[in-house]
Protein backbone atom coordinates (compact mmCIF):
# COMPACT_ATOMS: atom_id res chain seq x y z
CA MET A 1 -0.01 -0.09 0.00
CA THR A 2 1.21 3.63 -1.06
CA THR A 3 -0.03 6.61 0.98
CA ARG A 4 1.08 10.27 0.55
CA LYS A 5 -0.45 13.33 2.07
CA PHE A 6 -0.24 16.99 0.74
CA SER A 7 -1.76 20.18 2.10
CA THR A 8 -4.79 20.23 0.17
CA PHE A 9 -5.28 16.21 -0.56
CA GLU A 10 -3.96 12.89 0.27
CA TYR A 11 -4.13 9.57 -1.63
CA THR A 12 -3.43 5.86 -1.18
CA LEU A 13 -3.21 3.10 -3.50
CA ASP A 14 -3.67 -0.88 -2.89
CA ALA A 15 -4.32 -4.05 -4.66
CA PHE A 16 -5.23 -7.64 -4.11
CA GLU A 17 -3.64 -10.26 -6.68
CA GLY A 18 -6.17 -12.88 -6.33
CA LYS A 19 -5.14 -16.58 -6.60
CA GLY A 20 -2.39 -17.11 -9.03
CA GLY A 21 -3.47 -14.39 -11.48
CA GLN A 22 -5.91 -16.62 -13.57
CA ASP A 23 -8.63 -13.95 -13.13
CA GLY A 24 -6.63 -10.99 -14.37
CA TYR A 25 -3.43 -9.00 -13.47
CA PHE A 26 -3.67 -5.30 -12.04
CA GLN A 27 -1.18 -2.56 -11.86
CA GLN A 28 -1.63 0.96 -10.15
CA ASP A 29 0.64 3.95 -10.14
CA ALA A 30 0.51 7.68 -8.91
CA PHE A 31 3.13 10.25 -9.92
CA GLU A 32 3.75 14.00 -10.35
CA THR A 33 3.39 15.60 -13.61
CA PRO A 34 3.87 19.30 -14.91
CA HIS A 35 0.19 19.54 -14.74
CA GLY A 36 -0.29 18.03 -11.26
CA HIS A 37 -0.68 14.50 -9.80
CA ALA A 38 -1.63 11.57 -12.18
CA PHE A 39 -3.26 8.32 -10.95
CA VAL A 40 -3.34 5.28 -13.26
CA ILE A 41 -4.99 1.92 -12.81
CA ALA A 42 -4.80 -0.96 -15.51
CA GLY A 43 -5.97 -4.47 -15.57
CA ALA A 44 -5.51 -7.19 -18.26
CA ALA A 45 -5.98 -10.92 -18.73
CA GLN A 46 -2.25 -11.45 -19.60
CA ALA A 47 0.70 -10.91 -17.31
CA GLY A 48 2.71 -8.04 -18.16
CA LEU A 49 0.18 -6.01 -20.18
CA ALA A 50 -1.19 -4.01 -17.21
CA SER A 51 2.42 -2.97 -16.24
CA THR A 52 3.19 -2.05 -19.69
CA ALA A 53 -0.02 -0.08 -19.99
CA VAL A 54 0.88 1.97 -16.84
CA GLU A 55 4.45 2.57 -18.01
CA ARG A 56 3.49 3.90 -21.45
CA ILE A 57 1.00 6.18 -19.75
CA ARG A 58 3.58 7.49 -17.45
CA TYR A 59 6.03 7.91 -20.44
CA TYR A 60 3.62 9.97 -22.21
CA PHE A 61 3.09 12.47 -19.30
CA GLU A 62 6.77 12.73 -18.98
CA ASN A 63 7.55 13.55 -22.62
CA GLU A 64 4.37 15.45 -23.70
CA PRO A 65 4.12 18.33 -21.16
CA ASP A 66 2.71 20.79 -23.68
CA ASP A 67 -0.64 18.88 -23.78
CA ARG A 68 -3.49 20.88 -22.07
CA PRO A 69 -4.71 19.32 -18.69
CA ASP A 70 -8.30 18.56 -20.21
CA ASP A 71 -6.58 16.57 -23.25
CA ILE A 72 -3.66 14.86 -21.59
CA CYS A 73 -5.48 11.78 -20.06
CA ARG A 74 -7.25 11.15 -23.29
CA ASN A 75 -4.02 11.67 -25.50
CA ALA A 76 -2.10 9.29 -23.09
CA LEU A 77 -4.76 6.54 -23.36
CA ILE A 78 -4.85 6.71 -27.30
CA TYR A 79 -1.15 6.56 -27.44
CA THR A 80 -0.97 3.58 -25.14
CA GLY A 81 -3.71 1.85 -27.07
CA GLY A 82 -1.75 2.21 -30.22
CA PHE A 83 1.48 1.05 -28.58
CA LEU A 84 -0.21 -2.15 -27.35
CA TYR A 85 -1.82 -2.78 -30.73
CA GLN A 86 1.60 -2.38 -32.54
CA GLN A 87 3.03 -4.61 -29.94
CA GLY A 88 0.68 -7.35 -30.51
CA GLN A 89 1.03 -6.95 -34.60
CA ASN A 90 4.85 -7.63 -33.96
CA ASP A 91 4.25 -10.55 -31.50
CA PRO A 92 0.98 -12.53 -31.72
CA GLU A 93 1.52 -13.76 -28.34
CA ARG A 94 1.38 -10.47 -26.80
CA THR A 95 -1.93 -9.50 -28.55
CA PRO A 96 -3.83 -7.38 -26.00
CA GLU A 97 -7.20 -8.57 -25.07
CA GLY A 98 -9.37 -7.08 -22.60
CA VAL A 99 -6.98 -4.32 -21.35
CA SER A 100 -8.79 -1.94 -19.14
CA CYS A 101 -7.49 1.33 -17.93
CA ILE A 102 -8.45 4.66 -16.10
CA CYS A 103 -6.22 7.82 -16.03
CA VAL A 104 -7.10 10.64 -13.68
CA LEU A 105 -5.28 14.11 -13.23
CA PHE A 106 -5.84 16.42 -10.36
CA ASP A 107 -4.27 19.80 -11.11
CA GLY A 108 -4.77 21.16 -7.55
CA GLU A 109 -8.22 22.47 -8.45
CA ASN A 110 -9.89 20.28 -11.20
CA ILE A 111 -10.11 16.65 -11.83
CA TYR A 112 -9.86 15.15 -15.52
CA TYR A 113 -10.20 11.68 -16.53
CA SER A 114 -10.32 9.10 -19.39
CA SER A 115 -11.03 5.44 -19.34
CA ALA A 116 -11.16 2.30 -21.36
CA GLY A 117 -12.76 -0.95 -20.47
CA ASP A 118 -14.05 -2.30 -17.45
CA VAL A 119 -13.07 0.36 -14.66
CA CYS A 120 -15.08 2.53 -12.37
CA MET A 121 -15.07 5.68 -10.33
CA SER A 122 -17.15 7.17 -7.58
CA VAL A 123 -17.28 10.00 -5.39
CA LEU A 124 -18.48 10.61 -1.77
CA SER A 125 -19.64 14.18 -1.68
CA GLY A 126 -21.39 15.29 1.38
CA ARG A 127 -23.07 12.11 2.50
CA ARG A 128 -23.94 10.78 -0.72
CA ILE A 129 -22.25 8.38 -3.26
CA HIS A 130 -22.26 9.44 -6.96
CA SER A 131 -21.16 7.13 -9.57
CA LEU A 132 -19.10 8.72 -12.28
CA LEU A 133 -17.97 5.67 -14.17
CA ALA A 134 -19.60 2.28 -14.22
CA ALA A 135 -17.61 -0.91 -14.80
CA ASP A 136 -19.78 -2.54 -17.53
CA SER A 137 -18.01 -1.57 -20.89
CA GLU A 138 -20.91 -3.40 -22.89
CA ILE A 139 -23.36 -1.04 -21.55
CA SER A 140 -21.20 2.02 -21.69
CA GLY A 141 -19.68 1.24 -24.95
CA ARG A 142 -16.24 1.89 -23.96
CA ASP A 143 -13.42 0.36 -26.22
CA PHE A 144 -10.51 -1.71 -24.48
CA LEU A 145 -7.00 -0.54 -25.08
CA GLY A 146 -4.98 -2.11 -27.94
CA GLU A 147 -7.85 -3.62 -29.66
CA ALA A 148 -7.57 -1.11 -32.45
CA ALA A 149 -4.85 1.10 -34.05
CA VAL A 150 -6.79 4.07 -32.85
CA MET A 151 -9.30 4.12 -30.19
CA GLU A 152 -11.53 6.78 -28.51
CA PRO A 153 -11.47 6.50 -24.60
CA GLU A 154 -14.48 7.87 -22.58
CA SER A 155 -13.32 11.21 -21.23
CA SER A 156 -14.58 14.09 -19.14
CA HIS A 157 -15.71 16.81 -21.52
CA ARG A 158 -15.55 19.22 -18.44
CA PRO A 159 -13.44 19.38 -15.25
CA SER A 160 -14.75 18.19 -12.06
CA THR A 161 -14.24 20.17 -9.06
CA PRO A 162 -13.94 18.27 -5.73
CA GLY A 163 -15.25 19.93 -2.49
CA GLN A 164 -14.08 19.94 1.07
CA ASN A 165 -13.55 16.40 2.38
CA ASP A 166 -14.80 14.65 -0.81
CA ILE A 167 -13.42 11.05 -1.26
CA LEU A 168 -12.71 9.99 -4.98
CA LEU A 169 -12.41 6.15 -5.55
CA ILE A 170 -11.07 4.85 -8.85
CA ALA A 171 -10.86 1.13 -9.17
CA ALA A 172 -10.87 -1.89 -11.41
CA GLY A 173 -11.65 -5.74 -10.84
CA ALA A 174 -13.64 -7.03 -7.94
CA VAL A 175 -14.07 -3.49 -6.31
CA CYS A 176 -16.14 -2.51 -9.36
CA GLU A 177 -18.08 -5.75 -9.67
CA HIS A 178 -18.86 -6.86 -6.39
CA LEU A 179 -19.37 -3.95 -4.07
CA SER A 180 -22.53 -1.95 -3.84
CA PRO A 181 -22.87 1.84 -3.32
CA LYS A 182 -24.29 1.10 0.11
CA GLN A 183 -21.09 -0.78 1.11
CA LEU A 184 -19.05 1.98 -0.20
CA ARG A 185 -20.80 4.72 1.40
CA LYS A 186 -20.86 3.10 4.77
CA THR A 187 -17.06 2.55 4.66
CA LEU A 188 -16.11 6.02 3.40
CA LEU A 189 -18.30 7.73 5.94
CA ASP A 190 -16.42 5.83 8.63
CA SER A 191 -13.88 8.03 10.72
CA MET A 192 -10.97 5.67 10.22
CA PRO A 193 -7.80 6.81 8.19
CA LEU A 194 -7.90 6.89 4.54
CA GLN A 195 -5.54 3.93 4.00
CA THR A 196 -7.58 2.00 6.39
CA LYS A 197 -10.77 2.68 4.37
CA LEU A 198 -9.11 1.64 1.22
CA SER A 199 -7.81 -1.66 2.98
CA ARG A 200 -11.30 -2.31 4.14
CA ILE A 201 -12.89 -1.87 0.66
CA ILE A 202 -10.19 -4.18 -1.02
CA GLY A 203 -11.09 -6.91 1.75
CA LEU A 204 -14.68 -6.58 1.20
CA ALA A 205 -14.14 -6.99 -2.52
CA ARG A 206 -11.94 -9.93 -1.83
CA ASP A 207 -14.62 -11.59 0.17
CA GLU A 208 -17.51 -10.53 -1.88
CA GLY A 209 -15.81 -11.79 -5.06
CA ALA A 210 -14.70 -15.08 -3.71
CA GLY A 211 -10.92 -14.07 -4.01
CA LEU A 212 -11.18 -12.15 -7.40
CA PRO A 213 -8.29 -9.54 -8.00
CA SER A 214 -8.76 -6.01 -7.81
CA ALA A 215 -6.74 -2.50 -7.70
CA ALA A 216 -7.90 0.90 -6.25
CA CYS A 217 -6.79 4.33 -5.58
CA MET A 218 -8.71 6.53 -3.26
CA LEU A 219 -8.18 10.57 -2.86
CA CYS A 220 -9.45 12.79 -0.11
CA PHE A 221 -9.48 16.61 -0.81
CA TYR A 222 -9.21 19.19 2.00
CA GLY A 223 -8.93 22.72 0.30
CA ALA A 224 -9.85 22.23 -3.36
CA GLY A 225 -12.76 24.23 -4.45
CA GLN A 226 -13.55 25.71 -1.08
CA GLY A 227 -16.55 23.35 -0.66
CA ASN A 228 -18.16 24.12 -4.15
CA ALA A 229 -18.20 20.57 -5.79
CA VAL A 230 -19.39 19.91 -9.33
CA TYR A 231 -18.92 16.64 -10.96
CA TRP A 232 -19.52 15.84 -14.58
CA MET A 233 -19.80 12.55 -16.50
CA GLY A 234 -19.57 13.46 -20.13
CA ASP A 235 -22.11 16.31 -20.62
CA ASN A 236 -24.11 15.20 -17.63
CA GLN A 237 -23.60 17.19 -14.38
CA ILE A 238 -23.66 14.51 -11.65
CA LYS A 239 -23.35 16.79 -8.67
CA GLU A 240 -23.58 20.50 -8.05
CA ASP A 241 -22.83 22.42 -4.75
CA SER A 242 -26.15 23.39 -2.98
CA SER A 243 -25.05 26.97 -2.32
CA LYS A 244 -25.19 27.69 -6.01
CA ARG A 245 -28.05 28.04 -8.48
CA VAL A 246 -26.73 26.32 -11.79
CA LYS A 247 -28.89 26.32 -14.88
CA ARG A 248 -28.20 22.79 -16.43
CA LYS A 249 -29.25 22.80 -19.99
CA GLU A 250 -27.75 19.28 -20.47
CA MET A 251 -29.87 17.80 -17.65
CA GLY A 252 -33.00 19.22 -18.97
CA THR A 253 -33.96 20.63 -15.53
CA LYS A 254 -35.75 24.04 -15.14
CA ASN A 255 -37.17 25.96 -12.17
CA THR A 256 -41.00 25.34 -11.64
CA PHE A 257 -41.26 28.20 -9.27
CA GLY A 258 -41.49 31.82 -9.98
CA PRO A 259 -39.71 34.81 -8.15
CA VAL A 260 -40.82 35.41 -4.41
CA LYS A 261 -42.31 38.68 -4.18
CA VAL A 262 -41.58 40.64 -1.01
CA SER A 263 -43.47 44.03 -0.01
CA ALA A 264 -41.63 47.12 0.63
CA ALA A 265 -42.88 47.26 4.27
CA LEU A 266 -41.52 43.62 5.00
CA ARG A 267 -38.23 44.56 3.40
CA TYR A 268 -37.93 47.65 5.67
CA ALA A 269 -38.81 45.53 8.64
CA ILE A 270 -36.16 43.01 7.86
CA MET A 271 -33.66 45.68 7.32
CA ALA A 272 -34.45 47.35 10.59
CA LEU A 273 -34.18 44.06 12.47
CA VAL A 274 -30.66 43.52 10.85
CA VAL A 275 -29.50 46.98 11.83
CA VAL A 276 -30.59 46.38 15.56
CA PHE A 277 -28.84 42.88 15.51
CA VAL A 278 -25.57 44.36 14.56
CA ALA A 279 -25.73 47.16 16.98
CA TYR A 280 -26.49 44.90 19.80
CA MET A 281 -23.63 42.46 18.68
CA PHE A 282 -21.27 45.47 18.59
CA TYR A 283 -22.27 46.77 22.01
CA ASP A 284 -21.96 43.10 23.39
CA LEU A 285 -18.77 42.46 22.09
CA PHE A 286 -16.78 45.69 22.39
CA ILE A 287 -18.43 48.03 24.92
CA TYR A 288 -20.13 45.98 27.63
CA ASN A 289 -18.01 44.28 30.13
CA PRO A 290 -19.81 42.02 32.71
CA LYS A 291 -16.75 41.65 34.83
CA PRO A 292 -14.98 44.90 35.23
CA PRO A 293 -11.33 44.70 36.12
CA VAL A 294 -10.44 44.76 39.84
CA SER A 295 -7.25 46.11 41.29
CA VAL A 296 -5.41 43.39 43.31
CA PRO A 297 -1.97 43.98 44.96
CA VAL A 298 0.99 42.39 43.54
CA SER A 299 1.50 40.30 46.79
CA GLN A 300 -1.97 38.93 46.63
CA MET A 301 -1.87 38.03 43.19
CA ALA A 302 1.39 36.18 43.74
CA ASP A 303 -0.22 34.25 46.72
CA THR A 304 -3.28 33.34 44.63
CA ARG A 305 -1.11 31.90 41.84
CA ALA A 306 0.79 29.90 44.35
CA ASP A 307 -2.39 28.44 45.65
CA THR A 308 -3.66 27.53 42.34
CA LEU A 309 -0.61 25.94 40.99
CA ILE A 310 -1.21 22.36 40.26
CA GLU A 311 1.86 19.90 39.54
CA GLU A 312 1.08 18.10 36.55
CA PRO A 313 2.20 14.25 36.37
CA ASP A 314 4.92 13.41 33.92
CA ASP A 315 3.52 12.07 30.60
CA PRO A 316 3.78 8.36 30.80
CA TYR A 317 3.87 8.08 26.92
CA ASP A 318 7.33 7.73 25.31
CA PRO A 319 6.96 8.81 21.55
CA ASP A 320 10.16 6.94 20.84
CA MET A 321 8.73 3.52 21.68
CA PRO A 322 6.85 1.52 19.23
CA PRO A 323 3.07 1.25 19.67
CA PRO A 324 2.14 -1.78 21.87
CA LEU A 325 1.10 -5.31 20.35
CA PRO A 326 -2.60 -6.34 20.83
CA ASP A 327 -3.46 -9.02 23.36
CA ASP A 328 -4.49 -12.60 22.21
CA ILE A 329 -8.23 -13.32 21.58
CA ALA A 330 -9.58 -16.54 22.95
CA TYR A 331 -11.41 -18.81 20.71
CA THR A 332 -13.08 -22.09 21.26
CA VAL A 333 -12.89 -24.52 18.17
CA ARG A 334 -16.26 -25.44 16.82
CA GLY A 335 -17.50 -28.61 15.04
CA GLY A 336 -16.80 -28.21 11.15
CA ASP A 337 -14.26 -25.22 11.68
CA THR A 338 -11.41 -25.13 9.11
CA TRP A 339 -8.20 -23.06 9.05
CA ASN A 340 -9.58 -21.03 6.09
CA ARG A 341 -12.65 -19.94 8.00
CA ILE A 342 -10.49 -19.06 11.05
CA PHE A 343 -8.32 -16.94 8.77
CA LEU A 344 -11.32 -15.20 7.30
CA GLN A 345 -12.43 -14.12 10.66
CA TYR A 346 -9.06 -13.04 12.10
CA ARG A 347 -6.75 -12.83 9.20
CA VAL A 348 -4.04 -14.81 11.08
CA CYS A 349 -2.24 -17.58 9.31
CA SER A 350 -2.58 -21.01 10.79
CA TRP A 351 1.20 -21.42 11.33
CA PHE A 352 1.26 -18.38 13.73
CA ILE A 353 -1.55 -20.03 15.76
CA ILE A 354 -0.24 -23.50 15.86
CA ASN A 355 3.23 -22.42 16.97
CA HIS A 356 1.89 -19.74 19.52
CA PRO A 357 3.26 -21.09 22.71
CA PRO A 358 -0.02 -20.93 24.70
CA ASN A 359 -1.64 -23.28 22.23
CA THR A 360 1.07 -26.07 22.62
CA GLY A 361 -0.47 -29.58 22.70
CA ARG A 362 -4.03 -28.42 21.68
CA PHE A 363 -4.09 -29.74 18.03
CA GLY A 364 -4.43 -33.13 16.32
CA ARG A 365 -2.08 -34.78 13.87
CA ASP A 366 -0.48 -32.59 11.34
CA GLY A 367 -1.94 -29.37 13.07
CA GLY A 368 -5.51 -30.42 12.92
CA LEU A 369 -8.21 -28.53 14.70
CA ILE A 370 -10.03 -30.36 17.67
CA ALA A 371 -13.60 -29.16 18.39
CA GLY A 372 -14.02 -27.83 21.74
CA GLN A 373 -10.18 -26.80 22.26
CA ARG A 374 -9.81 -23.33 23.58
CA LEU A 375 -7.13 -21.52 21.42
CA GLN A 376 -5.47 -18.12 21.83
CA ILE A 377 -5.44 -16.22 18.60
CA PRO A 378 -2.28 -14.20 18.27
CA VAL A 379 -3.86 -11.13 16.61
CA ARG A 380 -0.55 -9.42 16.75
CA TYR A 381 0.06 -11.23 13.40
CA SER A 382 -3.25 -10.11 12.01
CA GLY A 383 -3.66 -8.60 8.53
CA ASP A 384 -6.93 -6.80 9.88
CA PRO A 385 -6.49 -3.20 10.63
CA ASP A 386 -9.38 -3.41 13.34
CA LEU A 387 -7.65 -6.19 15.19
CA ASN A 388 -4.06 -5.16 14.70
CA PRO A 389 -4.26 -1.24 14.14
CA TYR A 390 -0.39 -0.63 14.26
CA TYR A 391 1.23 -3.68 12.60
CA TYR A 392 -1.39 -5.15 10.31
CA THR A 393 0.30 -3.98 7.14
CA GLU A 394 3.33 -6.47 8.14
CA PHE A 395 0.78 -9.44 7.85
CA THR A 396 -1.28 -8.53 4.80
CA LEU A 397 -1.41 -11.40 1.90
CA ASP A 398 1.20 -9.53 -0.07
CA LYS A 399 3.55 -10.08 2.89
CA VAL A 400 2.81 -13.69 4.21
CA GLY A 401 1.81 -14.88 0.55
CA SER A 402 -1.45 -15.60 -0.98
CA SER A 403 -1.59 -19.00 0.67
CA CYS A 404 0.48 -17.91 4.05
CA GLU A 405 3.54 -19.78 2.34
CA ASN A 406 5.63 -16.99 3.68
CA ALA A 407 4.59 -17.65 7.18
CA GLY A 408 7.25 -19.06 9.41
CA ARG A 409 9.97 -18.82 11.88
CA GLU A 410 12.22 -16.57 9.58
CA PHE A 411 9.30 -14.30 8.83
CA LEU A 412 8.80 -13.73 12.61
CA GLU A 413 12.33 -13.21 13.41
CA GLU A 414 12.40 -10.42 10.62
CA PHE A 415 9.42 -8.97 12.20
CA SER A 416 10.87 -9.09 15.79
CA GLU A 417 14.24 -7.43 14.57
CA ARG A 418 12.19 -4.50 12.95
CA TYR A 419 10.42 -3.98 16.29
CA SER A 420 12.93 -5.39 18.82
CA SER A 421 12.28 -2.61 21.37
CA ASN A 422 8.67 -3.56 21.79
């Protein structure tokens, strides 16, 4: 997982590779350009094509700085599609099939994007989820990269402007296909850190999609647009700031109410109330003093301060020490339990549980589970951010292996060396 924070926004990227890559390969990247920050996610059925697509898009941004911000994402995808097509013509074994890609540019104020194939993009603005791109290319009519020498990606015709604390999610794979807007909204509204939200979304997609791979990038905006959020999908305005009254010809909307007529007497009465209120606030803030100053001898002031001085205890927290490891969780094995079921519940590999000292002698042959046995689950080795908030990134599947094949004595020794002071 990659996370970076700036003065006006932060972003994080994450991916789940799936089981051996048979369901697709995904690659994501974020980089700075002369126009701002670019974010790219690509997915393909063949190994290497997704990474090639990301590399070519980054190459285009680095070598074509004269493109306009509203054109460069589109042009980068057209160039990359042509590159993949020509590569397939020269080497039939590398013929691109089903290469999906989304490219997003944030120039500090506006968002521009272009896409090809099965990708998705949603935004949480206020407390509502708005879908800017759906993943079904058959419905949307989006071309895939490399299927033709020249293709036309789906692009934003107008820049979108994010609002204060808006969260933008771009993704491909299981996140697009298996998560509902309700699940996304619940997770994005949670007060957890941005990287934890994305980790939770990737985990939900993995569980809902039966282990299908996915990749996603999440951005949270702090100062862009000063709260005036406007999002576009093609020519359609998806969301506008409620403080602005915008006439939207593209959406076919019109005001069904005429202007409100206010009588002159009512207008003068309102103005009088405003004047009285402003005068009162000025008097209350700058003139009236409910507690006038009292002259106190210097010696008396010193005695009073001495009497009220409270010695504060030393701060027991030492910022140089690593955060604490979580305590074990007791678990009683039930009939029909499997190691996979326990892993899905605690995200702890079976090797860590079997070799945890309090569990010695509590298993059958070859480490088999015995119904009724009470085990201590060492969630200090969990990849779940809720159970292991400080160290979960050390035990995610990309570290321990998609089948926990890396979990072992050497893995624990390396972890202990990194946090030997804890």
